[in-house]
Protein backbone atom coordinates (compact mmCIF):
# COMPACT_ATOMS: atom_id res chain seq x y z
CA UNK A 1 0.06 0.11 -0.44
CA UNK A 2 1.66 3.51 -0.58
CA UNK A 3 2.32 5.65 1.93
CA UNK A 4 -0.17 8.40 1.18
CA UNK A 5 -2.90 6.03 0.79
CA UNK A 6 -2.22 4.53 4.37
CA UNK A 7 -1.77 7.99 5.62
CA UNK A 8 -5.34 8.38 4.25
CA UNK A 9 -6.69 4.83 5.29
CA UNK A 10 -5.40 5.99 8.95
CA UNK A 11 -7.02 9.47 9.52
CA UNK A 12 -9.91 7.92 8.24
CA UNK A 13 -9.63 4.68 11.49
CA UNK A 14 -8.72 7.37 13.80
CA UNK A 15 -11.80 9.50 13.01
CA UNK A 16 -13.91 6.46 13.59
CA UNK A 17 -11.78 5.22 16.80
CA UNK A 18 -10.50 2.21 15.02
CA UNK A 19 -7.53 0.89 16.46
CA UNK A 20 -6.27 -1.55 13.93
CA UNK A 21 -3.61 -0.52 10.85
CA UNK A 22 -4.69 -0.24 7.76
CA UNK A 23 -1.52 -2.27 7.14
CA UNK A 24 -3.19 -5.15 9.57
CA UNK A 25 -3.43 -8.59 8.15
CA UNK A 26 -7.38 -9.17 8.78
CA UNK A 27 -7.93 -5.45 6.36
CA UNK A 28 -5.66 -6.18 3.59
CA UNK A 29 -7.07 -9.79 3.53
CA UNK A 30 -10.15 -8.22 3.00
CA UNK A 31 -9.68 -5.52 0.62
CA UNK A 32 -7.87 -8.45 -1.47
CA UNK A 33 -10.77 -10.62 -0.95
CA UNK A 34 -13.56 -8.78 -2.64
CA UNK A 35 -16.26 -10.72 -1.76
CA UNK A 36 -19.73 -10.84 -3.85
CA UNK A 37 -23.30 -9.60 -2.78
CA UNK A 38 -26.52 -11.47 -3.95
CA UNK A 39 -25.96 -12.45 -7.45
CA UNK A 40 -29.49 -12.22 -8.88
CA UNK A 41 -30.32 -15.58 -11.43
CA UNK A 42 -32.30 -15.66 -15.06
CA UNK A 43 -33.08 -18.48 -17.64
CA UNK A 44 -31.02 -18.35 -20.74
CA UNK A 45 -27.97 -17.62 -21.96
CA UNK A 46 -25.48 -14.29 -21.33
CA UNK A 47 -25.93 -13.09 -24.64
CA UNK A 48 -29.36 -12.91 -24.43
CA UNK A 49 -30.04 -11.72 -21.62
CA UNK A 50 -27.48 -9.12 -22.71
CA UNK A 51 -29.53 -8.07 -25.97
CA UNK A 52 -33.01 -8.49 -23.64
CA UNK A 53 -31.52 -5.82 -21.25
CA UNK A 54 -29.90 -3.19 -24.22
CA UNK A 55 -33.49 -3.35 -26.08
CA UNK A 56 -34.88 -2.15 -22.95
CA UNK A 57 -32.30 0.53 -22.93
CA UNK A 58 -33.39 1.55 -26.61
CA UNK A 59 -30.25 0.48 -27.69
CA UNK A 60 -29.96 -1.46 -31.29
CA UNK A 61 -27.68 -3.89 -32.13
CA UNK A 62 -26.68 -6.36 -35.28
CA UNK A 63 -25.16 -9.44 -35.29
CA UNK A 64 -21.63 -10.25 -37.68
CA UNK A 65 -20.83 -13.60 -38.75
CA UNK A 66 -16.92 -12.92 -38.86
CA UNK A 67 -14.44 -9.92 -38.74
CA UNK A 68 -14.59 -9.50 -42.73
CA UNK A 69 -18.98 -8.88 -42.34
CA UNK A 70 -18.05 -5.61 -39.71
CA UNK A 71 -17.73 -3.44 -42.71
CA UNK A 72 -21.24 -4.60 -44.13
CA UNK A 73 -22.41 -4.05 -40.54
CA UNK A 74 -21.92 -0.70 -40.54
CA UNK A 75 -22.87 0.25 -43.65
CA UNK A 76 -26.01 -1.56 -43.46
CA UNK A 77 -26.65 0.99 -39.93
CA UNK A 78 -25.29 4.37 -41.94
CA UNK A 79 -27.92 3.78 -44.24
CA UNK A 80 -30.80 2.50 -42.22
CA UNK A 81 -30.45 6.12 -40.68
CA UNK A 82 -29.13 8.27 -43.67
CA UNK A 83 -26.28 9.01 -43.00
CA UNK A 84 -23.17 9.34 -44.99
CA UNK A 85 -20.08 7.32 -45.47
CA UNK A 86 -17.67 9.17 -42.68
CA UNK A 87 -17.00 7.82 -39.30
CA UNK A 88 -13.95 7.88 -36.79
CA UNK A 89 -13.03 4.55 -35.77
CA UNK A 90 -10.94 3.50 -32.55
CA UNK A 91 -7.20 2.30 -33.54
CA UNK A 92 -7.61 -1.10 -32.21
CA UNK A 93 -6.51 -4.41 -34.08
CA UNK A 94 -10.15 -5.78 -34.89
CA UNK A 95 -10.39 -2.41 -37.01
CA UNK A 96 -7.21 -1.61 -38.22
CA UNK A 97 -7.21 -3.75 -41.05
CA UNK A 98 -10.46 -3.40 -42.13
CA UNK A 99 -11.10 -2.70 -46.17
CA UNK A 100 -13.84 0.23 -46.38
CA UNK A 101 -15.02 0.85 -50.03
CA UNK A 102 -13.59 3.46 -51.77
CA UNK A 103 -14.97 6.87 -51.06
CA UNK A 104 -15.39 6.42 -47.44
CA UNK A 105 -13.95 8.58 -45.08
CA UNK A 106 -12.33 6.92 -42.36
CA UNK A 107 -10.09 8.65 -39.54
CA UNK A 108 -8.19 6.30 -37.15
CA UNK A 109 -7.95 9.05 -34.08
CA UNK A 110 -9.82 10.30 -31.49
CA UNK A 111 -13.04 12.22 -31.82
CA UNK A 112 -13.79 15.89 -32.19
CA UNK A 113 -16.65 17.32 -31.87
CA UNK A 114 -18.47 17.67 -35.28
CA UNK A 115 -18.06 13.90 -35.93
CA UNK A 116 -21.34 12.51 -36.32
CA UNK A 117 -20.13 8.33 -36.02
CA UNK A 118 -18.01 6.81 -33.70
CA UNK A 119 -16.91 2.88 -33.57
CA UNK A 120 -15.30 1.92 -30.91
CA UNK A 121 -14.10 -1.87 -29.48
CA UNK A 122 -15.89 -2.71 -26.23
CA UNK A 123 -13.61 -4.63 -23.38
CA UNK A 124 -16.67 -6.46 -21.79
CA UNK A 125 -20.21 -6.40 -21.74
CA UNK A 126 -22.45 -7.06 -18.77
CA UNK A 127 -25.70 -9.07 -19.07
CA UNK A 128 -27.37 -8.69 -16.14
CA UNK A 129 -27.80 -5.13 -16.50
CA UNK A 130 -27.18 -4.99 -20.82
CA UNK A 131 -23.78 -2.54 -20.29
CA UNK A 132 -20.25 -2.34 -22.40
CA UNK A 133 -17.79 -1.84 -20.27
CA UNK A 134 -14.90 0.72 -21.85
CA UNK A 135 -11.56 1.48 -21.39
CA UNK A 136 -9.38 4.24 -22.16
CA UNK A 137 -6.23 3.69 -23.88
CA UNK A 138 -3.86 4.05 -27.49
CA UNK A 139 -6.35 1.31 -28.83
CA UNK A 140 -9.97 2.66 -26.79
CA UNK A 141 -10.47 6.80 -26.88
CA UNK A 142 -12.39 7.63 -24.68
CA UNK A 143 -13.99 10.08 -26.57
CA UNK A 144 -15.68 8.01 -28.87
CA UNK A 145 -17.83 6.50 -26.28
CA UNK A 146 -19.39 10.28 -25.63
CA UNK A 147 -18.77 12.65 -28.30
CA UNK A 148 -20.88 11.35 -31.51
CA UNK A 149 -24.23 11.22 -31.85
CA UNK A 150 -24.36 7.55 -33.44
CA UNK A 151 -22.08 5.06 -31.08
CA UNK A 152 -21.11 2.03 -33.07
CA UNK A 153 -19.40 -0.59 -30.81
CA UNK A 154 -17.83 -4.13 -32.12
CA UNK A 155 -18.45 -6.69 -28.79
CA UNK A 156 -16.91 -10.00 -29.17
CA UNK A 157 -19.88 -11.95 -28.15
CA UNK A 158 -17.44 -14.65 -25.70
CA UNK A 159 -16.89 -10.89 -23.83
CA UNK A 160 -20.13 -10.94 -22.71
CA UNK A 161 -19.84 -11.95 -18.92
CA UNK A 162 -22.89 -12.76 -16.42
CA UNK A 163 -22.63 -9.95 -13.85
CA UNK A 164 -21.12 -6.77 -12.92
CA UNK A 165 -17.99 -8.69 -10.84
CA UNK A 166 -17.33 -10.87 -13.57
CA UNK A 167 -16.70 -7.85 -15.76
CA UNK A 168 -13.89 -6.48 -12.79
CA UNK A 169 -12.82 -10.04 -12.44
CA UNK A 170 -12.01 -10.34 -16.24
CA UNK A 171 -10.33 -6.36 -15.82
CA UNK A 172 -7.90 -8.04 -13.13
CA UNK A 173 -6.84 -10.86 -14.86
CA UNK A 174 -6.33 -9.71 -18.63
CA UNK A 175 -4.66 -6.14 -17.85
CA UNK A 176 -3.71 -6.16 -14.14
CA UNK A 177 -3.65 -2.54 -13.22
CA UNK A 178 -6.56 -0.45 -13.84
CA UNK A 179 -6.45 1.99 -17.07
CA UNK A 180 -6.56 5.71 -16.56
CA UNK A 181 -10.56 5.78 -16.59
CA UNK A 182 -13.41 2.59 -17.07
CA UNK A 183 -17.10 3.52 -18.43
CA UNK A 184 -19.96 1.28 -18.29
CA UNK A 185 -22.18 2.28 -20.62
CA UNK A 186 -25.82 1.58 -20.50
CA UNK A 187 -28.05 2.54 -23.43
CA UNK A 188 -28.07 5.88 -24.93
CA UNK A 189 -27.11 9.26 -23.11
CA UNK A 190 -31.18 10.27 -21.56
CA UNK A 191 -32.71 12.44 -19.22
CA UNK A 192 -35.60 13.40 -17.44
CA UNK A 193 -34.84 16.63 -16.06
CA UNK A 194 -36.92 18.30 -18.35
CA UNK A 195 -40.85 18.09 -17.29
CA UNK A 196 -39.63 14.37 -16.44
CA UNK A 197 -39.88 13.53 -19.73
CA UNK A 198 -36.84 11.04 -21.27
CA UNK A 199 -34.74 12.69 -23.87
CA UNK A 200 -32.26 11.05 -25.39
CA UNK A 201 -28.44 12.38 -26.66
CA UNK A 202 -28.74 15.19 -23.48
CA UNK A 203 -25.29 14.08 -22.17
CA UNK A 204 -23.15 11.87 -25.14
CA UNK A 205 -24.70 9.55 -27.71
CA UNK A 206 -27.93 10.00 -29.30
CA UNK A 207 -28.05 6.32 -30.45
CA UNK A 208 -25.78 3.37 -29.52
CA UNK A 209 -25.40 0.42 -32.16
CA UNK A 210 -24.01 -2.57 -30.98
CA UNK A 211 -21.97 -5.18 -33.38
CA UNK A 212 -22.34 -8.25 -32.03
CA UNK A 213 -19.61 -10.30 -33.67
CA UNK A 214 -19.88 -14.00 -33.12
CA UNK A 215 -17.45 -16.83 -32.13
């Protein structure tokens, strides 16, 4: 434990009247146990649960049979929304080798304020809530998740885990150290601040479309 963290916990323990040191074995053990709370149960597979929850939060999805079908899935979405073939894509290994049609404008960078469509890759998805977990990093700029009106997210089906705790376990096992930021996205941005009426796109994308890459 770092000196600064130990000092913070020490002040908290003193204020609460606790005599146990923050480095005591019982405290360290508790911090590393990561106990789970009650686990809700449901019928069906994690994929079925995820897609059902995804639909309830006003998001959409399309199944992609293989990586070669990603471009067609993006093309189908843009055509359905009557959008031009312009997008900004994350510089992710699953996206870098895609062959986009001639005449398309595909930038591989962070999103900017005037970008309409963003394409990124989720670290994993949580079936329990229909949420996507996205990690900040060179191959996953956080701005792609929030600035474009239309957020397209590629999700390998094997990365759907049952519950929130499973997502954190997967992150610890796969990355070790936590990234600079971890964002859990559940559906398009929304608010009911105006006359208790749901408005989409208040603080982020108006539409969320998941490209479910089958394994």
